Amino acid sequence: MTSTRESVPAVQRARVAWGEALPQWVQVLAEHCDATSQARTAKRIGYSGAVVSHVLKNVYPGDIAKVELAVRGALMAATVNCPVLGDLPTNECLEHQRRKFAATNHVRVRLYRSCHGGCPHSQKGKEGHAE
């Protein structure tokens, strides 16, 4: 038996939950879920399927700005100019910020220092940021 959640397209669920205020990035997220699957979309943006579900339902309790950056980078080709790596997708920027310090190579050390030391794109220490 198919559940109601699975039978209702993600775009439709998002439109109902967000109404007229549906942001473009949530629309793109929902369209990608419908084109592939919610699990694949979640993996692509670096979040869990539960996070994607909560965003589509407009009930996500976490830092939605970070999810937006991940969606814009992974699905909408948004980039930032990283002081260490140059242009890279916003979702990859967030992934570098999440990494713990490891002196495995000089680039990873430089990234950690930049992400934690004042990079303008860093979400570290910003309101709503969860480590």
Protein backbone atom coordinates (compact mmCIF):
# COMPACT_ATOMS: atom_id res chain seq x y z
CA MET A 1 0.00 0.00 0.00
CA THR A 2 1.41 3.41 -0.96
CA SER A 3 1.42 6.09 1.72
CA THR A 4 -0.28 9.44 1.14
CA ARG A 5 3.06 11.21 1.53
CA GLU A 6 4.55 9.23 -1.33
CA SER A 7 1.55 9.73 -3.61
CA VAL A 8 1.53 13.54 -3.27
CA PRO A 9 4.29 15.19 -5.32
CA ALA A 10 6.85 17.14 -3.31
CA VAL A 11 6.12 20.32 -5.24
CA GLN A 12 2.47 20.11 -4.27
CA ARG A 13 3.33 19.43 -0.61
CA ALA A 14 5.69 22.43 -0.57
CA ARG A 15 3.12 24.74 -2.17
CA VAL A 16 0.50 23.75 0.40
CA ALA A 17 2.91 24.23 3.33
CA TRP A 18 4.55 27.46 2.16
CA GLY A 19 1.64 29.06 0.31
CA GLU A 20 2.40 32.25 -1.59
CA ALA A 21 5.67 32.64 0.33
CA LEU A 22 7.21 29.54 -1.35
CA PRO A 23 10.87 30.50 -1.91
CA GLN A 24 12.44 29.64 -5.26
CA TRP A 25 15.06 27.41 -3.60
CA VAL A 26 12.35 25.33 -1.87
CA GLN A 27 10.56 25.00 -5.22
CA VAL A 28 13.82 23.74 -6.78
CA LEU A 29 14.34 21.34 -3.87
CA ALA A 30 10.83 19.94 -4.30
CA GLU A 31 11.22 19.63 -8.08
CA HIS A 32 14.46 17.72 -7.61
CA CYS A 33 12.75 15.38 -5.12
CA ASP A 34 10.01 14.71 -7.67
CA ALA A 35 12.53 14.15 -10.47
CA THR A 36 14.71 11.73 -8.49
CA SER A 37 13.72 10.94 -4.91
CA GLN A 38 13.74 12.66 -1.55
CA ALA A 39 16.56 10.40 -0.33
CA ARG A 40 18.77 11.12 -3.36
CA THR A 41 18.08 14.83 -3.10
CA ALA A 42 18.92 14.82 0.59
CA LYS A 43 22.20 13.03 -0.06
CA ARG A 44 23.08 15.47 -2.83
CA ILE A 45 22.62 18.51 -0.60
CA GLY A 46 24.34 16.88 2.39
CA TYR A 47 21.35 16.60 4.70
CA SER A 48 19.04 13.82 5.85
CA GLY A 49 15.74 12.93 4.26
CA ALA A 50 14.04 14.10 7.45
CA VAL A 51 15.52 17.59 7.02
CA VAL A 52 14.30 17.73 3.43
CA SER A 53 10.85 16.59 4.54
CA HIS A 54 10.71 19.26 7.26
CA VAL A 55 11.81 21.98 4.85
CA LEU A 56 9.15 20.97 2.34
CA LYS A 57 6.55 21.03 5.13
CA ASN A 58 7.86 24.43 6.32
CA VAL A 59 8.43 23.09 9.84
CA TYR A 60 12.23 22.73 9.93
CA PRO A 61 13.40 23.82 13.42
CA GLY A 62 17.09 24.15 12.52
CA ASP A 63 19.08 26.77 10.66
CA ILE A 64 17.13 27.00 7.43
CA ALA A 65 19.61 29.50 5.98
CA LYS A 66 22.25 26.75 5.94
CA VAL A 67 19.89 24.37 4.18
CA GLU A 68 19.18 27.10 1.65
CA LEU A 69 22.91 27.53 0.99
CA ALA A 70 23.26 23.78 0.49
CA VAL A 71 20.34 23.68 -1.95
CA ARG A 72 21.59 26.71 -3.86
CA GLY A 73 25.04 25.16 -4.20
CA ALA A 74 24.07 21.58 -5.00
CA LEU A 75 20.99 22.19 -7.13
CA MET A 76 21.20 25.80 -8.35
CA ALA A 77 24.94 26.22 -9.07
CA ALA A 78 25.47 29.00 -6.51
CA THR A 79 29.13 29.53 -5.62
CA VAL A 80 31.30 31.46 -3.20
CA ASN A 81 34.86 32.65 -3.64
CA CYS A 82 36.74 30.63 -1.04
CA PRO A 83 39.97 32.30 0.11
CA VAL A 84 41.69 28.89 -0.05
CA LEU A 85 40.09 27.03 -2.97
CA GLY A 86 38.65 29.81 -5.15
CA ASP A 87 35.15 29.40 -6.55
CA LEU A 88 33.25 26.44 -5.16
CA PRO A 89 29.59 25.52 -4.68
CA THR A 90 28.02 26.83 -1.49
CA ASN A 91 27.17 23.32 -0.32
CA GLU A 92 30.85 22.33 -0.53
CA CYS A 93 31.75 25.45 1.46
CA LEU A 94 29.37 24.28 4.20
CA GLU A 95 30.89 20.79 4.12
CA HIS A 96 34.37 22.22 4.70
CA GLN A 97 33.05 24.27 7.63
CA ARG A 98 31.61 21.13 9.28
CA ARG A 99 34.91 19.24 9.21
CA LYS A 100 36.92 18.86 12.37
CA PHE A 101 40.56 19.86 12.43
CA ALA A 102 42.92 17.29 10.93
CA ALA A 103 46.50 17.95 9.98
CA THR A 104 46.30 15.43 7.13
CA ASN A 105 47.46 17.90 4.49
CA HIS A 106 48.26 21.58 4.18
CA VAL A 107 45.07 22.43 2.24
CA ARG A 108 42.84 20.94 4.91
CA VAL A 109 44.72 22.90 7.60
CA ARG A 110 44.34 26.13 5.60
CA LEU A 111 40.63 25.45 5.08
CA TYR A 112 40.04 24.82 8.77
CA ARG A 113 41.86 28.01 9.74
CA SER A 114 39.99 30.05 7.16
CA CYS A 115 36.57 28.58 7.97
CA HIS A 116 37.12 29.18 11.69
CA GLY A 117 39.10 32.39 11.44
CA GLY A 118 36.96 35.02 9.81
CA CYS A 119 36.13 33.87 6.29
CA PRO A 120 33.20 36.03 5.14
CA HIS A 121 31.33 32.92 4.01
CA SER A 122 31.71 31.05 7.29
CA GLN A 123 28.55 30.22 9.21
CA LYS A 124 30.62 29.51 12.34
CA GLY A 125 29.43 31.59 15.27
CA LYS A 126 26.45 33.03 13.39
CA GLU A 127 23.03 32.99 14.97
CA GLY A 128 21.32 29.66 14.54
CA HIS A 129 24.53 27.79 13.72
CA ALA A 130 24.76 24.38 15.27
CA GLU A 131 28.20 22.78 15.49
